[in-house]
Amino acid sequence: MSEEKETSGEEKLSDLTPEEEVDAYLDKDLKIDADDLDGEATRQPALFAWWGRRWAKASREAKAAKANVEFVRASVGLNIRSEPSAVLGRDIKVTDAAIQAAISESDGCQEAEKRQIEARYISDLLTVAKDSMQMKKEMIRALIDERELEYFSGVGEGGARKIREKVRMRIAESRRKRAGKQDNV
């Protein structure tokens, strides 16, 4: 069954996982039709919003998964502390380290941590998608600027090559700045 994404108005509910959505839609959504820059610029806000909503949902789910891990750890810890010899055995000295080890080894805690890792992965994947939409916006703007410059200055193809190089340098600088912000987070 083929799922089609809508980028404006009501969205179709998708049977795809977030990872499958990224695989199915991101490459297509990142393509720029250089012959239709007006259309690309018009569609870009809806695309950015579509990916941004998915990122926000994944981010919320990652935070909920983290809170669930903390809840499960606390619940298991409370159960162990209420009857330590039943969980740890009579031969084990009841210490905080022994209790923490038993909490970490519990099935409930391990399952909650697996769900947290998966939720964080999906959130990170959608962060990349959202950031990619931002880069697409910058590229559309750069292409529009290049076209305007070519049109108004009459630089022709040789001059356009120099302009493209400057545009690439601007984009590379923008990516370096964004990478620096992410490292500080």
C-alpha atoms as a PDB file:
ATOM      1  CA  MET A   1       0.000   0.000   0.000  1.00  0.00           C
ATOM      2  CA  SER A   2       1.393   3.365  -0.960  1.00  0.00           C
ATOM      3  CA  GLU A   3       1.139   6.143   1.622  1.00  0.00           C
ATOM      4  CA  GLU A   4       1.076   9.692   0.340  1.00  0.00           C
ATOM      5  CA  LYS A   5       2.162  12.582   2.511  1.00  0.00           C
ATOM      6  CA  GLU A   6       0.218  15.799   2.474  1.00  0.00           C
ATOM      7  CA  THR A   7       2.104  18.954   3.372  1.00  0.00           C
ATOM      8  CA  SER A   8      -0.805  21.326   3.813  1.00  0.00           C
ATOM      9  CA  GLY A   9      -4.176  21.067   5.459  1.00  0.00           C
ATOM     10  CA  GLU A  10      -5.083  17.867   7.244  1.00  0.00           C
ATOM     11  CA  GLU A  11      -2.487  15.158   7.233  1.00  0.00           C
ATOM     12  CA  LYS A  12      -3.153  11.579   6.370  1.00  0.00           C
ATOM     13  CA  LEU A  13      -2.452   9.180   9.172  1.00  0.00           C
ATOM     14  CA  SER A  14       0.449   7.035   8.159  1.00  0.00           C
ATOM     15  CA  ASP A  15       1.039   3.401   8.963  1.00  0.00           C
ATOM     16  CA  LEU A  16       4.756   4.081   8.579  1.00  0.00           C
ATOM     17  CA  THR A  17       7.110   4.300  11.515  1.00  0.00           C
ATOM     18  CA  PRO A  18       8.995   7.601  11.877  1.00  0.00           C
ATOM     19  CA  GLU A  19      12.122   5.900  10.537  1.00  0.00           C
ATOM     20  CA  GLU A  20      10.188   4.649   7.504  1.00  0.00           C
ATOM     21  CA  GLU A  21       8.763   8.148   6.981  1.00  0.00           C
ATOM     22  CA  VAL A  22      12.259   9.602   6.864  1.00  0.00           C
ATOM     23  CA  ASP A  23      13.353   6.923   4.405  1.00  0.00           C
ATOM     24  CA  ALA A  24      10.236   7.374   2.264  1.00  0.00           C
ATOM     25  CA  TYR A  25       9.979  11.166   2.163  1.00  0.00           C
ATOM     26  CA  LEU A  26      13.181  12.981   3.099  1.00  0.00           C
ATOM     27  CA  ASP A  27      15.182  12.472  -0.093  1.00  0.00           C
ATOM     28  CA  LYS A  28      12.209  13.570  -2.201  1.00  0.00           C
ATOM     29  CA  ASP A  29      11.495  16.574   0.021  1.00  0.00           C
ATOM     30  CA  LEU A  30      15.124  17.725  -0.114  1.00  0.00           C
ATOM     31  CA  LYS A  31      15.286  17.863  -3.901  1.00  0.00           C
ATOM     32  CA  ILE A  32      15.215  21.335  -5.403  1.00  0.00           C
ATOM     33  CA  ASP A  33      13.764  21.961  -8.833  1.00  0.00           C
ATOM     34  CA  ALA A  34      16.049  24.761 -10.015  1.00  0.00           C
ATOM     35  CA  ASP A  35      13.598  25.531 -12.828  1.00  0.00           C
ATOM     36  CA  ASP A  36      10.777  26.165 -10.320  1.00  0.00           C
ATOM     37  CA  LEU A  37      12.398  28.179  -7.537  1.00  0.00           C
ATOM     38  CA  ASP A  38       9.187  30.156  -6.923  1.00  0.00           C
ATOM     39  CA  GLY A  39       7.300  26.908  -6.371  1.00  0.00           C
ATOM     40  CA  GLU A  40      10.083  25.526  -4.181  1.00  0.00           C
ATOM     41  CA  ALA A  41      10.092  28.682  -2.052  1.00  0.00           C
ATOM     42  CA  THR A  42       6.294  28.499  -1.751  1.00  0.00           C
ATOM     43  CA  ARG A  43       6.284  24.822  -0.689  1.00  0.00           C
ATOM     44  CA  GLN A  44       9.214  25.087   1.721  1.00  0.00           C
ATOM     45  CA  PRO A  45       7.328  26.457   4.779  1.00  0.00           C
ATOM     46  CA  ALA A  46       4.822  23.595   4.636  1.00  0.00           C
ATOM     47  CA  LEU A  47       7.622  21.047   4.304  1.00  0.00           C
ATOM     48  CA  PHE A  48       9.508  22.586   7.207  1.00  0.00           C
ATOM     49  CA  ALA A  49       6.345  22.524   9.328  1.00  0.00           C
ATOM     50  CA  TRP A  50       5.614  18.904   8.384  1.00  0.00           C
ATOM     51  CA  TRP A  51       9.082  17.736   9.440  1.00  0.00           C
ATOM     52  CA  GLY A  52       9.100  20.063  12.446  1.00  0.00           C
ATOM     53  CA  ARG A  53       5.879  18.552  13.789  1.00  0.00           C
ATOM     54  CA  ARG A  54       7.329  15.070  13.450  1.00  0.00           C
ATOM     55  CA  TRP A  55      10.478  16.192  15.241  1.00  0.00           C
ATOM     56  CA  ALA A  56       8.427  17.789  18.050  1.00  0.00           C
ATOM     57  CA  LYS A  57       6.400  14.608  18.501  1.00  0.00           C
ATOM     58  CA  ALA A  58       9.555  12.457  18.539  1.00  0.00           C
ATOM     59  CA  SER A  59      11.216  14.830  20.988  1.00  0.00           C
ATOM     60  CA  ARG A  60       8.176  14.598  23.288  1.00  0.00           C
ATOM     61  CA  GLU A  61       8.248  10.802  23.059  1.00  0.00           C
ATOM     62  CA  ALA A  62      11.985  10.730  23.865  1.00  0.00           C
ATOM     63  CA  LYS A  63      11.364  12.864  26.961  1.00  0.00           C
ATOM     64  CA  ALA A  64       8.464  10.624  27.985  1.00  0.00           C
ATOM     65  CA  ALA A  65      10.658   7.531  27.529  1.00  0.00           C
ATOM     66  CA  LYS A  66      13.339   9.112  29.727  1.00  0.00           C
ATOM     67  CA  ALA A  67      10.750   9.886  32.407  1.00  0.00           C
ATOM     68  CA  ASN A  68       9.484   6.302  32.143  1.00  0.00           C
ATOM     69  CA  VAL A  69      13.001   4.949  32.751  1.00  0.00           C
ATOM     70  CA  GLU A  70      13.239   7.081  35.887  1.00  0.00           C
ATOM     71  CA  PHE A  71       9.797   5.870  37.026  1.00  0.00           C
ATOM     72  CA  VAL A  72      10.630   2.212  36.400  1.00  0.00           C
ATOM     73  CA  ARG A  73      13.970   2.553  38.190  1.00  0.00           C
ATOM     74  CA  ALA A  74      12.241   4.163  41.184  1.00  0.00           C
ATOM     75  CA  SER A  75       9.470   1.530  41.264  1.00  0.00           C
ATOM     76  CA  VAL A  76      11.890  -1.381  41.018  1.00  0.00           C
ATOM     77  CA  GLY A  77      14.131   0.243  43.621  1.00  0.00           C
ATOM     78  CA  LEU A  78      11.199   0.657  45.995  1.00  0.00           C
ATOM     79  CA  ASN A  79      10.226  -3.011  45.539  1.00  0.00           C
ATOM     80  CA  ILE A  80      13.791  -4.144  46.187  1.00  0.00           C
ATOM     81  CA  ARG A  81      14.177  -1.943  49.252  1.00  0.00           C
ATOM     82  CA  SER A  82      10.871  -3.198  50.713  1.00  0.00           C
ATOM     83  CA  GLU A  83      12.058  -6.835  50.586  1.00  0.00           C
ATOM     84  CA  PRO A  84      15.786  -6.858  49.789  1.00  0.00           C
ATOM     85  CA  SER A  85      16.440 -10.449  50.787  1.00  0.00           C
ATOM     86  CA  ALA A  86      13.670 -11.693  48.459  1.00  0.00           C
ATOM     87  CA  VAL A  87      15.349 -10.044  45.465  1.00  0.00           C
ATOM     88  CA  LEU A  88      19.015 -10.026  46.418  1.00  0.00           C
ATOM     89  CA  GLY A  89      19.049 -13.247  48.373  1.00  0.00           C
ATOM     90  CA  ARG A  90      20.090 -13.817  51.958  1.00  0.00           C
ATOM     91  CA  ASP A  91      23.793 -14.168  51.125  1.00  0.00           C
ATOM     92  CA  ILE A  92      24.127 -10.699  49.579  1.00  0.00           C
ATOM     93  CA  LYS A  93      24.834  -7.736  51.824  1.00  0.00           C
ATOM     94  CA  VAL A  94      22.224  -5.043  51.215  1.00  0.00           C
ATOM     95  CA  THR A  95      24.146  -2.020  50.001  1.00  0.00           C
ATOM     96  CA  ASP A  96      23.188   0.824  47.725  1.00  0.00           C
ATOM     97  CA  ALA A  97      25.500  -0.595  45.052  1.00  0.00           C
ATOM     98  CA  ALA A  98      23.790  -4.009  45.258  1.00  0.00           C
ATOM     99  CA  ILE A  99      20.375  -2.383  45.007  1.00  0.00           C
ATOM    100  CA  GLN A 100      21.448  -0.243  42.014  1.00  0.00           C
ATOM    101  CA  ALA A 101      22.850  -3.337  40.291  1.00  0.00           C
ATOM    102  CA  ALA A 102      19.594  -5.238  40.866  1.00  0.00           C
ATOM    103  CA  ILE A 103      17.616  -2.282  39.503  1.00  0.00           C
ATOM    104  CA  SER A 104      19.769  -2.134  36.359  1.00  0.00           C
ATOM    105  CA  GLU A 105      19.465  -5.899  35.839  1.00  0.00           C
ATOM    106  CA  SER A 106      15.675  -5.932  36.202  1.00  0.00           C
ATOM    107  CA  ASP A 107      13.680  -6.799  33.084  1.00  0.00           C
ATOM    108  CA  GLY A 108      11.439  -3.753  33.481  1.00  0.00           C
ATOM    109  CA  CYS A 109      14.366  -1.374  33.652  1.00  0.00           C
ATOM    110  CA  GLN A 110      16.157  -2.933  30.708  1.00  0.00           C
ATOM    111  CA  GLU A 111      12.998  -2.796  28.572  1.00  0.00           C
ATOM    112  CA  ALA A 112      12.357   0.850  29.500  1.00  0.00           C
ATOM    113  CA  GLU A 113      15.956   1.737  28.641  1.00  0.00           C
ATOM    114  CA  LYS A 114      15.641   0.018  25.241  1.00  0.00           C
ATOM    115  CA  ARG A 115      12.502   2.054  24.520  1.00  0.00           C
ATOM    116  CA  GLN A 116      14.335   5.217  25.599  1.00  0.00           C
ATOM    117  CA  ILE A 117      17.253   4.469  23.257  1.00  0.00           C
ATOM    118  CA  GLU A 118      14.862   3.885  20.347  1.00  0.00           C
ATOM    119  CA  ALA A 119      12.882   7.061  21.096  1.00  0.00           C
ATOM    120  CA  ARG A 120      16.092   9.083  21.281  1.00  0.00           C
ATOM    121  CA  TYR A 121      17.257   7.597  17.968  1.00  0.00           C
ATOM    122  CA  ILE A 122      14.006   8.601  16.253  1.00  0.00           C
ATOM    123  CA  SER A 123      14.257  12.088  17.774  1.00  0.00           C
ATOM    124  CA  ASP A 124      17.847  12.427  16.530  1.00  0.00           C
ATOM    125  CA  LEU A 125      16.852  11.161  13.080  1.00  0.00           C
ATOM    126  CA  LEU A 126      14.075  13.732  12.843  1.00  0.00           C
ATOM    127  CA  THR A 127      16.428  16.451  14.081  1.00  0.00           C
ATOM    128  CA  VAL A 128      18.567  15.703  11.041  1.00  0.00           C
ATOM    129  CA  ALA A 129      15.472  15.865   8.814  1.00  0.00           C
ATOM    130  CA  LYS A 130      14.367  19.180  10.326  1.00  0.00           C
ATOM    131  CA  ASP A 131      17.857  20.644   9.988  1.00  0.00           C
ATOM    132  CA  SER A 132      17.999  19.397   6.399  1.00  0.00           C
ATOM    133  CA  MET A 133      14.835  21.335   5.623  1.00  0.00           C
ATOM    134  CA  GLN A 134      16.517  24.440   7.027  1.00  0.00           C
ATOM    135  CA  MET A 135      19.521  23.844   4.771  1.00  0.00           C
ATOM    136  CA  LYS A 136      17.172  23.406   1.810  1.00  0.00           C
ATOM    137  CA  LYS A 137      15.646  26.790   2.607  1.00  0.00           C
ATOM    138  CA  GLU A 138      19.103  28.345   2.609  1.00  0.00           C
ATOM    139  CA  MET A 139      19.947  26.691  -0.694  1.00  0.00           C
ATOM    140  CA  ILE A 140      16.712  27.903  -2.307  1.00  0.00           C
ATOM    141  CA  ARG A 141      17.514  31.428  -1.099  1.00  0.00           C
ATOM    142  CA  ALA A 142      21.061  31.139  -2.463  1.00  0.00           C
ATOM    143  CA  LEU A 143      19.805  29.921  -5.847  1.00  0.00           C
ATOM    144  CA  ILE A 144      17.286  32.745  -6.031  1.00  0.00           C
ATOM    145  CA  ASP A 145      20.024  35.248  -5.139  1.00  0.00           C
ATOM    146  CA  GLU A 146      22.250  33.767  -7.834  1.00  0.00           C
ATOM    147  CA  ARG A 147      19.512  34.005 -10.453  1.00  0.00           C
ATOM    148  CA  GLU A 148      18.741  37.593  -9.498  1.00  0.00           C
ATOM    149  CA  LEU A 149      22.405  38.517  -9.682  1.00  0.00           C
ATOM    150  CA  GLU A 150      22.800  36.901 -13.072  1.00  0.00           C
ATOM    151  CA  TYR A 151      19.694  38.617 -14.375  1.00  0.00           C
ATOM    152  CA  PHE A 152      20.438  42.122 -13.099  1.00  0.00           C
ATOM    153  CA  SER A 153      24.188  42.160 -13.589  1.00  0.00           C
ATOM    154  CA  GLY A 154      24.324  40.312 -16.870  1.00  0.00           C
ATOM    155  CA  VAL A 155      27.380  38.379 -15.601  1.00  0.00           C
ATOM    156  CA  GLY A 156      26.652  35.408 -17.805  1.00  0.00           C
ATOM    157  CA  GLU A 157      27.798  31.855 -17.192  1.00  0.00           C
ATOM    158  CA  GLY A 158      31.433  32.574 -16.283  1.00  0.00           C
ATOM    159  CA  GLY A 159      30.434  35.063 -13.602  1.00  0.00           C
ATOM    160  CA  ALA A 160      27.734  32.734 -12.369  1.00  0.00           C
ATOM    161  CA  ARG A 161      30.381  30.115 -11.606  1.00  0.00           C
ATOM    162  CA  LYS A 162      32.181  32.573  -9.312  1.00  0.00           C
ATOM    163  CA  ILE A 163      28.901  33.463  -7.670  1.00  0.00           C
ATOM    164  CA  ARG A 164      28.073  29.789  -7.116  1.00  0.00           C
ATOM    165  CA  GLU A 165      31.416  29.331  -5.385  1.00  0.00           C
ATOM    166  CA  LYS A 166      30.652  32.248  -3.063  1.00  0.00           C
ATOM    167  CA  VAL A 167      27.230  30.758  -2.362  1.00  0.00           C
ATOM    168  CA  ARG A 168      28.815  27.395  -1.551  1.00  0.00           C
ATOM    169  CA  MET A 169      31.210  29.129   0.825  1.00  0.00           C
ATOM    170  CA  ARG A 170      28.264  30.885   2.545  1.00  0.00           C
ATOM    171  CA  ILE A 171      26.438  27.598   2.952  1.00  0.00           C
ATOM    172  CA  ALA A 172      29.547  25.852   4.274  1.00  0.00           C
ATOM    173  CA  GLU A 173      30.043  28.655   6.803  1.00  0.00           C
ATOM    174  CA  SER A 174      26.405  28.369   7.851  1.00  0.00           C
ATOM    175  CA  ARG A 175      26.824  24.605   8.374  1.00  0.00           C
ATOM    176  CA  ARG A 176      29.966  25.130  10.451  1.00  0.00           C
ATOM    177  CA  LYS A 177      28.122  27.619  12.655  1.00  0.00           C
ATOM    178  CA  ARG A 178      25.188  25.232  13.058  1.00  0.00           C
ATOM    179  CA  ALA A 179      27.547  22.353  13.889  1.00  0.00           C
ATOM    180  CA  GLY A 180      29.182  24.528  16.532  1.00  0.00           C
ATOM    181  CA  LYS A 181      25.782  25.261  18.100  1.00  0.00           C
ATOM    182  CA  GLN A 182      24.951  21.552  18.241  1.00  0.00           C
ATOM    183  CA  ASP A 183      28.292  20.771  19.910  1.00  0.00           C
ATOM    184  CA  ASN A 184      27.503  23.314  22.625  1.00  0.00           C
ATOM    185  CA  VAL A 185      24.115  21.756  23.392  1.00  0.00           C
END
